[in-house]
Protein backbone atom coordinates (compact mmCIF):
# COMPACT_ATOMS: atom_id res chain seq x y z
CA MET A 1 119.73 -258.57 90.77
CA SER A 2 123.51 -259.09 91.23
CA ARG A 3 123.80 -262.87 90.87
CA PRO A 4 124.40 -264.32 87.42
CA VAL A 5 121.77 -266.02 85.01
CA LEU A 6 122.58 -269.34 83.61
CA GLY A 7 121.72 -269.43 79.96
CA ILE A 8 121.21 -272.39 77.84
CA GLU A 9 121.14 -272.51 73.91
CA SER A 10 120.54 -275.49 71.89
CA SER A 11 118.02 -274.28 69.01
CA CYS A 12 120.25 -275.58 65.96
CA ASP A 13 123.86 -277.06 65.71
CA GLU A 14 125.54 -275.40 68.76
CA THR A 15 125.10 -276.73 72.47
CA ALA A 16 125.92 -273.66 74.66
CA ALA A 17 125.96 -272.58 78.16
CA ALA A 18 126.95 -269.22 79.86
CA LEU A 19 126.86 -267.13 83.09
CA VAL A 20 126.36 -263.56 82.55
CA ALA A 21 125.86 -260.74 85.30
CA ALA A 22 123.01 -258.31 85.38
CA ASP A 23 125.12 -255.65 83.78
CA GLY A 24 125.95 -257.72 80.70
CA ARG A 25 129.46 -259.02 81.99
CA VAL A 26 130.00 -262.40 80.44
CA ILE A 27 131.44 -264.55 83.35
CA SER A 28 131.72 -267.89 81.33
CA SER A 29 130.54 -268.94 77.83
CA GLU A 30 131.06 -272.35 76.57
CA ILE A 31 129.89 -273.52 73.06
CA SER A 32 130.25 -277.06 71.43
CA SER A 33 129.89 -276.67 67.69
CA GLN A 34 128.49 -279.46 65.42
CA VAL A 35 129.76 -277.92 62.22
CA ALA A 36 132.17 -280.74 61.55
CA ILE A 37 129.40 -283.25 62.05
CA HIS A 38 127.09 -281.64 59.46
CA HIS A 39 129.57 -280.58 57.06
CA GLU A 40 129.48 -283.61 54.85
CA PHE A 41 125.67 -283.23 54.42
CA GLY A 42 125.67 -279.61 53.32
CA GLY A 43 123.59 -278.41 56.04
CA VAL A 44 122.16 -279.31 59.53
CA VAL A 45 120.51 -282.74 60.12
CA PRO A 46 117.86 -282.27 62.76
CA GLU A 47 118.08 -285.74 64.05
CA LEU A 48 122.01 -285.81 64.26
CA ALA A 49 121.60 -282.23 65.93
CA SER A 50 119.27 -283.46 68.57
CA ARG A 51 121.51 -286.58 69.32
CA HIS A 52 124.58 -284.47 69.68
CA HIS A 53 122.82 -281.93 72.03
CA LEU A 54 121.90 -284.95 74.30
CA LEU A 55 125.60 -285.93 74.38
CA ASN A 56 126.93 -282.45 75.05
CA ILE A 57 124.43 -280.52 77.28
CA VAL A 58 125.70 -281.87 80.54
CA PRO A 59 129.37 -281.48 80.13
CA VAL A 60 128.81 -277.94 78.66
CA VAL A 61 126.73 -276.76 81.45
CA ASP A 62 128.91 -278.23 83.83
CA GLN A 63 131.88 -276.38 82.39
CA ALA A 64 130.30 -273.07 82.15
CA LEU A 65 129.41 -273.32 85.93
CA ALA A 66 132.89 -274.63 86.82
CA ARG A 67 134.79 -271.80 84.76
CA GLY A 68 132.50 -269.20 86.41
CA SER A 69 133.10 -270.67 89.78
CA CYS A 70 129.38 -270.73 90.59
CA ALA A 71 127.13 -273.19 92.02
CA LEU A 72 123.61 -273.86 90.41
CA GLU A 73 122.08 -272.80 93.62
CA ASP A 74 123.79 -269.42 93.38
CA VAL A 75 122.34 -268.14 89.91
CA ALA A 76 119.69 -265.69 89.91
CA GLY A 77 117.67 -267.99 87.42
CA ILE A 78 117.96 -270.27 84.36
CA ALA A 79 117.20 -268.76 80.94
CA VAL A 80 116.66 -271.30 77.99
CA THR A 81 115.95 -270.83 74.27
CA ALA A 82 112.52 -271.95 73.57
CA GLY A 83 112.16 -270.98 69.92
CA PRO A 84 112.36 -270.43 67.25
CA GLY A 85 114.50 -273.36 66.12
CA LEU A 86 114.46 -277.17 65.27
CA VAL A 87 112.05 -278.52 67.72
CA GLY A 88 113.91 -281.63 68.69
CA ALA A 89 117.07 -279.66 69.38
CA LEU A 90 115.18 -277.04 71.42
CA LEU A 91 113.50 -279.57 73.57
CA VAL A 92 117.04 -281.02 74.66
CA GLY A 93 118.07 -277.61 76.19
CA LEU A 94 114.33 -276.73 77.40
CA GLN A 95 113.96 -280.18 79.07
CA PHE A 96 117.44 -279.96 80.81
CA ALA A 97 116.84 -276.49 81.98
CA LYS A 98 113.52 -277.44 83.48
CA ALA A 99 115.19 -280.03 85.32
CA LEU A 100 117.91 -277.77 86.66
CA ALA A 101 115.34 -275.41 87.72
CA TRP A 102 113.43 -278.01 89.45
CA VAL A 103 116.22 -279.57 91.69
CA SER A 104 117.88 -276.17 92.37
CA GLY A 105 114.59 -273.99 93.08
CA ARG A 106 115.75 -271.36 90.62
CA PRO A 107 113.26 -269.44 88.53
CA LEU A 108 112.99 -270.64 84.79
CA VAL A 109 112.53 -268.16 81.96
CA GLY A 110 112.00 -269.27 78.15
CA VAL A 111 113.80 -266.76 75.69
CA ASP A 112 113.01 -266.07 72.18
CA HIS A 113 116.08 -266.85 70.20
CA LEU A 114 115.74 -263.84 67.72
CA ARG A 115 115.18 -261.36 70.56
CA ALA A 116 118.42 -263.02 72.35
CA HIS A 117 120.50 -261.98 69.30
CA LEU A 118 119.33 -258.48 69.85
CA GLU A 119 120.89 -258.55 73.23
CA ALA A 120 124.27 -259.58 72.00
CA PRO A 121 125.56 -255.96 71.53
CA PHE A 122 124.71 -255.39 75.31
CA LEU A 123 127.20 -258.10 76.36
CA ARG A 124 130.30 -257.02 77.93
CA PRO A 125 133.35 -259.32 77.55
CA ALA A 126 135.61 -260.06 80.39
CA ASP A 127 138.53 -258.42 78.69
CA SER A 128 136.44 -255.36 77.96
CA PRO A 129 134.05 -254.64 80.72
CA THR A 130 133.63 -251.11 80.07
CA ALA A 131 132.89 -251.36 76.41
CA PRO A 132 130.16 -249.05 75.26
CA VAL A 133 126.62 -250.76 74.66
CA PRO A 134 123.60 -249.37 72.98
CA THR A 135 120.84 -247.32 74.40
CA PHE A 136 117.33 -246.94 73.70
CA PRO A 137 115.74 -246.20 71.20
CA HIS A 138 117.96 -247.85 68.46
CA VAL A 139 117.40 -249.12 64.96
CA PHE A 140 118.13 -252.84 64.76
CA LEU A 141 118.97 -255.06 61.84
CA LEU A 142 118.79 -258.72 62.58
CA VAL A 143 120.51 -260.81 59.83
CA SER A 144 120.61 -264.57 60.42
CA GLY A 145 120.39 -267.73 58.66
CA GLY A 146 116.72 -267.88 58.83
CA HIS A 147 115.52 -264.28 59.49
CA THR A 148 116.27 -260.80 58.13
CA VAL A 149 114.27 -258.06 60.19
CA LEU A 150 114.78 -254.44 60.42
CA GLY A 151 112.95 -252.28 62.95
CA VAL A 152 113.10 -249.92 65.80
CA ARG A 153 113.60 -250.73 69.46
CA PRO A 154 112.12 -247.94 71.54
CA SER A 155 112.74 -249.90 74.90
CA PRO A 156 113.95 -253.14 76.05
CA GLU A 157 110.42 -254.72 75.92
CA GLU A 158 109.22 -252.99 72.65
CA LEU A 159 110.03 -254.02 69.07
CA GLN A 160 108.60 -252.06 66.07
CA VAL A 161 109.23 -254.10 63.02
CA LEU A 162 109.62 -252.08 59.66
CA GLY A 163 110.48 -254.79 57.31
CA ALA A 164 111.43 -258.39 57.09
CA THR A 165 112.57 -260.89 54.32
CA ARG A 166 109.71 -261.91 51.83
CA ASP A 167 111.65 -265.09 51.04
CA ASP A 168 115.05 -266.32 51.60
CA ALA A 169 116.85 -264.66 54.57
CA ALA A 170 120.24 -263.19 53.89
CA GLY A 171 122.15 -266.00 55.86
CA GLU A 172 119.99 -268.60 53.74
CA ALA A 173 121.19 -267.04 50.61
CA PHE A 174 124.79 -267.30 51.53
CA ASP A 175 124.29 -270.85 52.37
CA LYS A 176 122.39 -271.81 49.19
CA VAL A 177 124.89 -270.17 47.04
CA ALA A 178 127.99 -271.69 48.87
CA LYS A 179 126.14 -275.08 48.21
CA MET A 180 125.91 -274.18 44.44
CA LEU A 181 129.56 -273.54 44.40
CA GLY A 182 130.47 -276.78 46.43
CA LEU A 183 131.85 -274.72 49.24
CA GLY A 184 130.37 -276.80 51.99
CA TYR A 185 128.59 -275.75 55.10
CA PRO A 186 128.59 -273.42 56.73
CA GLY A 187 128.61 -271.26 53.63
CA GLY A 188 128.53 -267.70 54.93
CA GLN A 189 132.00 -268.09 56.40
CA VAL A 190 133.58 -269.48 53.24
CA ILE A 191 132.21 -266.96 51.03
CA ASP A 192 133.26 -264.20 53.22
CA GLN A 193 136.90 -265.57 53.38
CA LEU A 194 136.96 -266.05 49.51
CA ALA A 195 135.41 -262.64 48.75
CA ARG A 196 138.38 -260.73 50.32
CA ALA A 197 140.47 -261.56 47.47
CA GLY A 198 137.84 -260.92 44.99
CA ASP A 199 136.52 -258.03 42.92
CA PRO A 200 133.09 -256.96 44.09
CA THR A 201 132.45 -255.31 40.71
CA ALA A 202 133.20 -258.36 38.56
CA ILE A 203 129.84 -259.49 38.06
CA ARG A 204 126.55 -257.26 38.58
CA PHE A 205 124.02 -259.22 40.41
CA PRO A 206 120.59 -257.66 41.09
CA ARG A 207 119.87 -255.61 44.40
CA ALA A 208 116.07 -256.57 44.89
CA MET A 209 113.39 -254.17 46.01
CA LEU A 210 115.79 -251.08 46.66
CA ASP A 211 113.71 -249.32 44.16
CA ARG A 212 110.54 -249.58 45.92
CA ALA A 213 109.03 -247.94 49.02
CA GLY A 214 108.81 -249.96 52.16
CA TRP A 215 111.50 -251.82 54.23
CA ASP A 216 111.05 -255.47 53.15
CA PHE A 217 113.94 -257.73 51.73
CA SER A 218 113.99 -260.31 49.15
CA PHE A 219 117.13 -262.50 48.31
CA SER A 220 115.60 -265.32 46.29
CA GLY A 221 115.89 -263.47 43.06
CA LEU A 222 119.67 -262.93 43.90
CA LYS A 223 120.19 -266.54 44.61
CA THR A 224 118.40 -267.50 41.06
CA ALA A 225 120.65 -264.88 39.39
CA VAL A 226 123.78 -266.67 40.85
CA ARG A 227 122.13 -270.19 39.41
CA GLN A 228 121.53 -268.78 36.13
CA HIS A 229 125.21 -267.29 35.90
CA LEU A 230 126.66 -270.65 36.86
CA ALA A 231 124.34 -272.49 34.15
CA GLN A 232 125.59 -270.11 31.52
CA GLN A 233 129.08 -269.83 32.59
CA GLY A 234 129.71 -273.03 34.47
CA LEU A 235 131.65 -273.18 37.91
CA PRO A 236 134.57 -270.65 38.17
CA ARG A 237 137.85 -272.13 36.85
CA GLY A 238 140.47 -271.18 39.19
CA GLN A 239 140.58 -269.52 42.64
CA ALA A 240 140.81 -265.93 41.24
CA LEU A 241 137.19 -266.28 39.32
CA LEU A 242 135.77 -268.11 42.12
CA ALA A 243 136.75 -265.09 44.54
CA ASP A 244 135.32 -262.76 42.20
CA LEU A 245 132.08 -264.58 42.14
CA CYS A 246 131.81 -264.63 45.75
CA ALA A 247 132.77 -261.08 46.16
CA SER A 248 130.29 -259.81 43.76
CA PHE A 249 127.52 -262.03 45.33
CA GLN A 250 128.46 -260.86 48.75
CA GLU A 251 128.29 -257.14 47.60
CA ALA A 252 124.78 -257.42 46.24
CA VAL A 253 123.62 -258.90 49.91
CA VAL A 254 125.60 -256.25 51.84
CA ASP A 255 124.30 -253.47 49.60
CA VAL A 256 120.90 -254.15 50.24
CA LEU A 257 121.28 -254.61 54.02
CA ALA A 258 123.22 -251.51 54.47
CA ILE A 259 121.32 -249.25 52.34
CA ARG A 260 118.06 -250.39 54.11
CA ALA A 261 119.65 -249.94 57.39
CA GLU A 262 121.24 -246.50 56.61
CA ARG A 263 117.60 -245.37 55.26
CA ALA A 264 115.97 -246.46 58.55
CA VAL A 265 118.43 -244.55 60.69
CA ALA A 266 118.04 -241.49 58.45
CA GLU A 267 114.03 -241.71 58.01
CA THR A 268 113.31 -242.45 61.77
CA GLY A 269 115.97 -240.01 63.16
CA VAL A 270 117.12 -242.64 65.48
CA ARG A 271 120.79 -242.23 65.57
CA GLN A 272 121.86 -245.66 66.59
CA LEU A 273 122.23 -248.80 64.62
CA VAL A 274 122.37 -252.29 66.27
CA VAL A 275 123.30 -255.09 63.99
CA ALA A 276 123.05 -258.75 65.19
CA GLY A 277 122.52 -262.29 64.03
CA GLY A 278 125.12 -264.66 62.22
CA VAL A 279 125.41 -262.61 59.31
CA ALA A 280 126.52 -259.65 61.50
CA ALA A 281 130.02 -261.44 61.83
CA ASN A 282 130.43 -260.86 57.96
CA GLY A 283 133.60 -258.82 57.43
CA ARG A 284 132.28 -256.79 54.49
CA LEU A 285 128.97 -255.78 56.12
CA ARG A 286 130.79 -254.83 59.42
CA ALA A 287 133.25 -252.59 57.16
CA ARG A 288 130.56 -251.09 55.09
CA LEU A 289 128.43 -250.19 58.06
CA ALA A 290 131.21 -248.86 60.07
CA SER A 291 132.06 -246.44 57.04
CA ALA A 292 128.51 -245.47 56.87
CA ALA A 293 128.36 -244.48 60.58
CA GLU A 294 131.32 -242.55 60.59
CA GLY A 295 130.10 -240.62 57.45
CA GLY A 296 126.44 -240.34 58.54
CA GLY A 297 127.24 -239.50 62.26
CA PHE A 298 125.48 -242.15 63.87
CA ALA A 299 126.54 -244.64 66.28
CA LEU A 300 126.96 -248.33 65.24
CA HIS A 301 126.86 -251.42 67.70
CA LEU A 302 128.15 -254.67 66.52
CA PRO A 303 128.77 -257.73 68.72
CA ARG A 304 131.96 -259.43 68.77
CA PRO A 305 131.82 -262.22 66.14
CA VAL A 306 131.66 -264.95 68.65
CA TYR A 307 128.47 -263.38 70.08
CA CYS A 308 126.96 -263.18 66.49
CA THR A 309 126.44 -266.69 66.06
CA ASP A 310 124.31 -269.00 68.27
CA ASN A 311 125.53 -268.56 72.04
CA ALA A 312 124.15 -268.80 75.39
CA ALA A 313 125.56 -265.48 76.66
CA MET A 314 122.93 -263.52 74.61
CA VAL A 315 120.27 -266.08 76.02
CA ALA A 316 121.45 -265.46 79.60
CA PHE A 317 121.16 -261.63 79.20
CA ALA A 318 117.70 -262.00 77.64
CA GLY A 319 116.78 -263.86 80.84
CA HIS A 320 117.94 -261.10 82.89
CA ARG A 321 115.61 -258.83 81.20
CA ARG A 322 112.65 -261.21 81.87
CA LEU A 323 113.56 -261.82 85.52
CA ALA A 324 114.02 -258.15 86.17
CA ARG A 325 110.47 -257.67 85.03
CA GLY A 326 109.23 -260.15 87.45
CA GLU A 327 108.36 -262.77 84.64
CA ARG A 328 108.77 -266.58 85.16
CA ASP A 329 107.74 -269.45 83.12
CA ALA A 330 106.13 -272.60 84.41
CA PHE A 331 107.42 -276.20 83.87
CA ASP A 332 104.71 -276.58 80.92
CA LEU A 333 106.80 -274.27 78.76
CA ASN A 334 107.14 -275.70 75.52
CA ALA A 335 109.50 -275.42 72.34
CA VAL A 336 108.14 -273.54 69.35
CA ALA A 337 109.50 -273.80 65.79
CA SER A 338 108.49 -270.43 64.37
CA TRP A 339 108.79 -266.87 65.36
CA SER A 340 105.04 -266.38 65.25
CA GLY A 341 104.87 -268.56 68.40
CA ARG A 342 107.63 -266.81 70.28
CA PRO A 343 107.39 -267.26 73.91
CA THR A 344 108.28 -263.62 75.09
């Protein structure tokens, strides 16, 4: 399958389209972010997100096709995020993808947004087409705003989940703590930036469940510990104290993620670790895992930061996987809000 797949993503607050070749080469990738729109509300407003997807979907797809010098009829297929996500936002991309598939005669494939994140490390940017990519099997750590999942991927089709979050996901904890501190949205990026100037040992926050057997995560207790600290001490006075709090909170999250992932590599004997999702862009997590990989003698695969957050290139490559297996979706494909209803 030498022709590229057109990917479309609209699960939350990014409208994105991309053309990706079968070997993972990113031919074009366009993203229209709504961060500035939702910033004043401290989080994504679903109705606003859907409206702006409606405004952006046509120009974003047109731009991806134009920059890739590709006509719609020349693509191998059209891949679109069908879930999980905000249903109204998902329906904008899904219905547009159906229309494109109908008029062009190209096959349609729905893509699970979380599985798509796991394809991000396989992408080959235009300026680095020979970059190394993971092989199978590998351990995966998926860390995003709504999900924290650890498992083994024996093949492109199989996922063996070892553990997942029992409450707040790691990215959700970042956003909620940022809101407590009045740092706005998206919180994870702001905390990451502030933490670089802070002392990660200034405040000892809890690392939940590390003393227990198993692979599950819990971040709600950490969030509560930050709230209790603020109730007792008040908001940090001055940039230095704020940086210390951010660094201490971030270190607690990173400790839990890194220790669990390192244990999974050691105990499964699978010597590759793939990390994906929005939190995979966190500078401290990337540095911690890079150091662990070097010291532990295993291979670490991290997507470029632009492919950690929501994008259509990962959706397009996931679409290639489905098309190569001979899979197609009918025009009654519907959007699903939760992972339990994933389409793939």
